[in-house]
């Protein structure tokens, strides 16, 4: 009896699906996942540069590419900071995944897990952290500054003044060929 209901349900689903597409209607356009990332195109690729800021100074690499068959955009970052003020040298690494609805998840090797919103216009990308209770705000900016060069910034706004950002790390990166 149970098999009978399962089979009947499957037949109903198939018939409803067939009825939902009128005869002679053009097929739905093929899904083009890469089209949603056009505004980020200038940022796609592998980049290298030196970041300078309150965390120190050091060379870094960033890779920006679509992933999951084009369903998301992934930004990976790694920067090597030298010793500073008695602190040992360290490597900072992070991953940010941006979804088509321009929401992003950021995770780093310091234990941070943050949510961001993204904006892109073809020459600029801004990622702004979602306000969280008892937390400063964070902002990543990427600005095209010529062929194969991008101005990169990571800014922090204190809890007391969440709209007043100051530079934490800044640098210009060059796209690797």
C-alpha atoms as a PDB file:
ATOM      1  CA  UNK A   1       0.000   0.000   0.000  1.00  0.00           C
ATOM      2  CA  UNK A   2       2.820   2.425   0.897  1.00  0.00           C
ATOM      3  CA  UNK A   3       4.601   1.786  -2.428  1.00  0.00           C
ATOM      4  CA  UNK A   4       1.367   2.556  -4.206  1.00  0.00           C
ATOM      5  CA  UNK A   5       1.157   6.039  -2.584  1.00  0.00           C
ATOM      6  CA  UNK A   6       4.804   6.787  -3.302  1.00  0.00           C
ATOM      7  CA  UNK A   7       4.382   5.834  -6.977  1.00  0.00           C
ATOM      8  CA  UNK A   8       1.166   7.831  -7.230  1.00  0.00           C
ATOM      9  CA  UNK A   9       2.888  10.865  -5.655  1.00  0.00           C
ATOM     10  CA  UNK A  10       5.776  10.671  -8.126  1.00  0.00           C
ATOM     11  CA  UNK A  11       3.403  10.474 -11.082  1.00  0.00           C
ATOM     12  CA  UNK A  12       1.479  13.504  -9.750  1.00  0.00           C
ATOM     13  CA  UNK A  13       4.696  15.527  -9.363  1.00  0.00           C
ATOM     14  CA  UNK A  14       5.778  14.676 -12.910  1.00  0.00           C
ATOM     15  CA  UNK A  15       2.364  15.575 -14.332  1.00  0.00           C
ATOM     16  CA  UNK A  16       2.186  18.873 -12.419  1.00  0.00           C
ATOM     17  CA  UNK A  17       5.698  19.773 -13.610  1.00  0.00           C
ATOM     18  CA  UNK A  18       4.780  19.002 -17.214  1.00  0.00           C
ATOM     19  CA  UNK A  19       1.567  21.028 -16.941  1.00  0.00           C
ATOM     20  CA  UNK A  20       3.470  24.031 -15.526  1.00  0.00           C
ATOM     21  CA  UNK A  21       5.442  24.391 -18.778  1.00  0.00           C
ATOM     22  CA  UNK A  22       3.078  25.290 -21.626  1.00  0.00           C
ATOM     23  CA  UNK A  23       3.573  23.408 -24.876  1.00  0.00           C
ATOM     24  CA  UNK A  24       5.676  25.420 -27.277  1.00  0.00           C
ATOM     25  CA  UNK A  25       7.046  27.708 -24.524  1.00  0.00           C
ATOM     26  CA  UNK A  26      10.730  28.514 -24.910  1.00  0.00           C
ATOM     27  CA  UNK A  27      12.958  26.661 -22.486  1.00  0.00           C
ATOM     28  CA  UNK A  28      14.246  28.576 -19.478  1.00  0.00           C
ATOM     29  CA  UNK A  29      17.570  30.259 -20.174  1.00  0.00           C
ATOM     30  CA  UNK A  30      20.541  28.246 -18.979  1.00  0.00           C
ATOM     31  CA  UNK A  31      21.827  29.157 -15.542  1.00  0.00           C
ATOM     32  CA  UNK A  32      24.899  31.360 -15.888  1.00  0.00           C
ATOM     33  CA  UNK A  33      26.529  31.464 -12.476  1.00  0.00           C
ATOM     34  CA  UNK A  34      29.505  33.533 -13.608  1.00  0.00           C
ATOM     35  CA  UNK A  35      27.259  36.392 -14.806  1.00  0.00           C
ATOM     36  CA  UNK A  36      26.457  37.353 -11.221  1.00  0.00           C
ATOM     37  CA  UNK A  37      30.133  38.076 -10.557  1.00  0.00           C
ATOM     38  CA  UNK A  38      30.708  40.549 -13.437  1.00  0.00           C
ATOM     39  CA  UNK A  39      30.995  43.515 -11.053  1.00  0.00           C
ATOM     40  CA  UNK A  40      33.818  41.638  -9.290  1.00  0.00           C
ATOM     41  CA  UNK A  41      35.660  40.736 -12.517  1.00  0.00           C
ATOM     42  CA  UNK A  42      38.460  43.300 -12.015  1.00  0.00           C
ATOM     43  CA  UNK A  43      39.255  41.629  -8.685  1.00  0.00           C
ATOM     44  CA  UNK A  44      39.354  38.033  -9.969  1.00  0.00           C
ATOM     45  CA  UNK A  45      42.778  36.436 -10.001  1.00  0.00           C
ATOM     46  CA  UNK A  46      45.855  35.975  -7.855  1.00  0.00           C
ATOM     47  CA  UNK A  47      47.373  39.079  -6.291  1.00  0.00           C
ATOM     48  CA  UNK A  48      50.531  39.879  -4.326  1.00  0.00           C
ATOM     49  CA  UNK A  49      51.631  42.938  -2.416  1.00  0.00           C
ATOM     50  CA  UNK A  50      52.779  44.304   0.911  1.00  0.00           C
ATOM     51  CA  UNK A  51      50.386  45.366   3.634  1.00  0.00           C
ATOM     52  CA  UNK A  52      51.311  48.052   6.144  1.00  0.00           C
ATOM     53  CA  UNK A  53      49.386  49.033   9.252  1.00  0.00           C
ATOM     54  CA  UNK A  54      48.978  48.751  12.987  1.00  0.00           C
ATOM     55  CA  UNK A  55      49.413  44.970  12.743  1.00  0.00           C
ATOM     56  CA  UNK A  56      52.839  45.458  11.177  1.00  0.00           C
ATOM     57  CA  UNK A  57      54.188  45.119   7.678  1.00  0.00           C
ATOM     58  CA  UNK A  58      54.660  42.159   5.391  1.00  0.00           C
ATOM     59  CA  UNK A  59      54.105  40.522   2.035  1.00  0.00           C
ATOM     60  CA  UNK A  60      50.825  38.866   1.242  1.00  0.00           C
ATOM     61  CA  UNK A  61      48.849  36.967  -1.356  1.00  0.00           C
ATOM     62  CA  UNK A  62      45.147  37.130  -2.195  1.00  0.00           C
ATOM     63  CA  UNK A  63      43.185  34.863  -4.517  1.00  0.00           C
ATOM     64  CA  UNK A  64      39.715  35.834  -5.738  1.00  0.00           C
ATOM     65  CA  UNK A  65      37.785  33.211  -7.707  1.00  0.00           C
ATOM     66  CA  UNK A  66      34.336  31.759  -8.115  1.00  0.00           C
ATOM     67  CA  UNK A  67      33.752  28.409  -6.446  1.00  0.00           C
ATOM     68  CA  UNK A  68      31.043  25.755  -6.089  1.00  0.00           C
ATOM     69  CA  UNK A  69      30.399  25.789  -9.845  1.00  0.00           C
ATOM     70  CA  UNK A  70      30.180  29.584  -9.839  1.00  0.00           C
ATOM     71  CA  UNK A  71      27.574  29.740  -7.070  1.00  0.00           C
ATOM     72  CA  UNK A  72      29.837  31.717  -4.701  1.00  0.00           C
ATOM     73  CA  UNK A  73      32.838  33.997  -4.848  1.00  0.00           C
ATOM     74  CA  UNK A  74      35.739  33.076  -2.580  1.00  0.00           C
ATOM     75  CA  UNK A  75      38.489  35.405  -1.388  1.00  0.00           C
ATOM     76  CA  UNK A  76      41.469  33.807   0.340  1.00  0.00           C
ATOM     77  CA  UNK A  77      44.150  35.925   1.930  1.00  0.00           C
ATOM     78  CA  UNK A  78      47.494  35.244   3.573  1.00  0.00           C
ATOM     79  CA  UNK A  79      49.931  37.817   4.909  1.00  0.00           C
ATOM     80  CA  UNK A  80      53.249  37.329   6.674  1.00  0.00           C
ATOM     81  CA  UNK A  81      53.903  39.920   9.379  1.00  0.00           C
ATOM     82  CA  UNK A  82      57.381  40.363  10.799  1.00  0.00           C
ATOM     83  CA  UNK A  83      58.115  40.760  14.498  1.00  0.00           C
ATOM     84  CA  UNK A  84      56.933  44.018  16.069  1.00  0.00           C
ATOM     85  CA  UNK A  85      57.216  45.408  19.591  1.00  0.00           C
ATOM     86  CA  UNK A  86      58.316  42.138  21.163  1.00  0.00           C
ATOM     87  CA  UNK A  87      55.704  40.107  19.263  1.00  0.00           C
ATOM     88  CA  UNK A  88      56.940  37.194  17.161  1.00  0.00           C
ATOM     89  CA  UNK A  89      56.462  37.054  13.401  1.00  0.00           C
ATOM     90  CA  UNK A  90      53.188  35.450  12.317  1.00  0.00           C
ATOM     91  CA  UNK A  91      51.127  34.560   9.274  1.00  0.00           C
ATOM     92  CA  UNK A  92      47.577  35.831   9.084  1.00  0.00           C
ATOM     93  CA  UNK A  93      45.121  33.888   6.882  1.00  0.00           C
ATOM     94  CA  UNK A  94      41.446  34.352   6.074  1.00  0.00           C
ATOM     95  CA  UNK A  95      38.668  33.129   3.803  1.00  0.00           C
ATOM     96  CA  UNK A  96      35.589  35.070   2.779  1.00  0.00           C
ATOM     97  CA  UNK A  97      32.733  33.504   0.826  1.00  0.00           C
ATOM     98  CA  UNK A  98      30.253  35.828  -0.905  1.00  0.00           C
ATOM     99  CA  UNK A  99      26.819  34.577  -1.936  1.00  0.00           C
ATOM    100  CA  UNK A 100      24.752  35.909  -4.868  1.00  0.00           C
ATOM    101  CA  UNK A 101      22.558  37.902  -2.447  1.00  0.00           C
ATOM    102  CA  UNK A 102      25.720  39.875  -1.530  1.00  0.00           C
ATOM    103  CA  UNK A 103      25.986  38.409   1.958  1.00  0.00           C
ATOM    104  CA  UNK A 104      29.395  37.138   3.006  1.00  0.00           C
ATOM    105  CA  UNK A 105      30.903  34.920   5.676  1.00  0.00           C
ATOM    106  CA  UNK A 106      34.424  35.667   6.891  1.00  0.00           C
ATOM    107  CA  UNK A 107      36.626  33.273   8.882  1.00  0.00           C
ATOM    108  CA  UNK A 108      40.274  33.701   9.879  1.00  0.00           C
ATOM    109  CA  UNK A 109      43.036  31.883  11.722  1.00  0.00           C
ATOM    110  CA  UNK A 110      42.556  34.137  14.765  1.00  0.00           C
ATOM    111  CA  UNK A 111      39.138  32.626  15.447  1.00  0.00           C
ATOM    112  CA  UNK A 112      37.007  35.434  13.993  1.00  0.00           C
ATOM    113  CA  UNK A 113      33.747  34.495  12.308  1.00  0.00           C
ATOM    114  CA  UNK A 114      31.960  37.556  10.926  1.00  0.00           C
ATOM    115  CA  UNK A 115      29.122  38.352   8.560  1.00  0.00           C
ATOM    116  CA  UNK A 116      29.456  41.034   5.898  1.00  0.00           C
ATOM    117  CA  UNK A 117      27.416  42.685   3.179  1.00  0.00           C
ATOM    118  CA  UNK A 118      29.053  43.263  -0.198  1.00  0.00           C
ATOM    119  CA  UNK A 119      28.773  45.980  -2.840  1.00  0.00           C
ATOM    120  CA  UNK A 120      30.541  46.010  -6.186  1.00  0.00           C
ATOM    121  CA  UNK A 121      30.324  48.351  -9.172  1.00  0.00           C
ATOM    122  CA  UNK A 122      32.962  46.993 -11.540  1.00  0.00           C
ATOM    123  CA  UNK A 123      35.822  49.151 -10.203  1.00  0.00           C
ATOM    124  CA  UNK A 124      35.240  49.034  -6.443  1.00  0.00           C
ATOM    125  CA  UNK A 125      34.276  46.369  -3.935  1.00  0.00           C
ATOM    126  CA  UNK A 126      33.269  47.203  -0.372  1.00  0.00           C
ATOM    127  CA  UNK A 127      32.577  44.592   2.294  1.00  0.00           C
ATOM    128  CA  UNK A 128      31.076  45.952   5.501  1.00  0.00           C
ATOM    129  CA  UNK A 129      30.621  43.857   8.630  1.00  0.00           C
ATOM    130  CA  UNK A 130      27.115  43.428   9.945  1.00  0.00           C
ATOM    131  CA  UNK A 131      26.760  45.247  13.289  1.00  0.00           C
ATOM    132  CA  UNK A 132      27.166  42.919  16.247  1.00  0.00           C
ATOM    133  CA  UNK A 133      26.594  43.681  19.887  1.00  0.00           C
ATOM    134  CA  UNK A 134      29.779  44.663  21.740  1.00  0.00           C
ATOM    135  CA  UNK A 135      31.899  44.475  18.595  1.00  0.00           C
ATOM    136  CA  UNK A 136      33.699  47.021  16.440  1.00  0.00           C
ATOM    137  CA  UNK A 137      32.764  47.328  12.741  1.00  0.00           C
ATOM    138  CA  UNK A 138      35.097  46.148   9.993  1.00  0.00           C
ATOM    139  CA  UNK A 139      35.389  47.146   6.345  1.00  0.00           C
ATOM    140  CA  UNK A 140      37.351  45.750   3.421  1.00  0.00           C
ATOM    141  CA  UNK A 141      37.785  47.927   0.333  1.00  0.00           C
ATOM    142  CA  UNK A 142      39.244  47.051  -3.045  1.00  0.00           C
ATOM    143  CA  UNK A 143      39.656  49.785  -5.674  1.00  0.00           C
ATOM    144  CA  UNK A 144      40.967  49.320  -9.182  1.00  0.00           C
ATOM    145  CA  UNK A 145      43.901  51.712  -9.648  1.00  0.00           C
ATOM    146  CA  UNK A 146      44.991  50.817 -13.146  1.00  0.00           C
ATOM    147  CA  UNK A 147      45.645  47.714 -15.119  1.00  0.00           C
ATOM    148  CA  UNK A 148      46.487  44.803 -12.820  1.00  0.00           C
ATOM    149  CA  UNK A 149      46.709  46.965  -9.675  1.00  0.00           C
ATOM    150  CA  UNK A 150      44.239  47.170  -6.802  1.00  0.00           C
ATOM    151  CA  UNK A 151      44.260  49.353  -3.684  1.00  0.00           C
ATOM    152  CA  UNK A 152      43.355  47.123  -0.713  1.00  0.00           C
ATOM    153  CA  UNK A 153      42.258  48.320   2.691  1.00  0.00           C
ATOM    154  CA  UNK A 154      41.076  46.814   5.934  1.00  0.00           C
ATOM    155  CA  UNK A 155      39.574  49.369   8.324  1.00  0.00           C
ATOM    156  CA  UNK A 156      38.162  49.191  11.858  1.00  0.00           C
ATOM    157  CA  UNK A 157      35.571  51.418  13.546  1.00  0.00           C
ATOM    158  CA  UNK A 158      35.470  51.335  17.357  1.00  0.00           C
ATOM    159  CA  UNK A 159      32.379  50.234  19.208  1.00  0.00           C
ATOM    160  CA  UNK A 160      31.803  53.784  20.469  1.00  0.00           C
ATOM    161  CA  UNK A 161      31.879  55.290  16.937  1.00  0.00           C
ATOM    162  CA  UNK A 162      30.761  52.525  14.534  1.00  0.00           C
ATOM    163  CA  UNK A 163      30.784  54.852  11.499  1.00  0.00           C
ATOM    164  CA  UNK A 164      34.298  56.267  12.029  1.00  0.00           C
ATOM    165  CA  UNK A 165      36.755  53.896  10.361  1.00  0.00           C
ATOM    166  CA  UNK A 166      40.530  54.033  10.677  1.00  0.00           C
ATOM    167  CA  UNK A 167      43.099  52.110   8.632  1.00  0.00           C
ATOM    168  CA  UNK A 168      44.258  48.835  10.136  1.00  0.00           C
ATOM    169  CA  UNK A 169      46.143  47.453   7.114  1.00  0.00           C
ATOM    170  CA  UNK A 170      46.569  49.035   3.687  1.00  0.00           C
ATOM    171  CA  UNK A 171      48.488  48.198   0.532  1.00  0.00           C
ATOM    172  CA  UNK A 172      48.499  48.041  -3.240  1.00  0.00           C
ATOM    173  CA  UNK A 173      48.477  44.598  -4.814  1.00  0.00           C
ATOM    174  CA  UNK A 174      49.589  43.542  -8.288  1.00  0.00           C
ATOM    175  CA  UNK A 175      47.885  40.801 -10.251  1.00  0.00           C
ATOM    176  CA  UNK A 176      50.129  37.828 -10.992  1.00  0.00           C
ATOM    177  CA  UNK A 177      50.225  36.849 -14.636  1.00  0.00           C
END
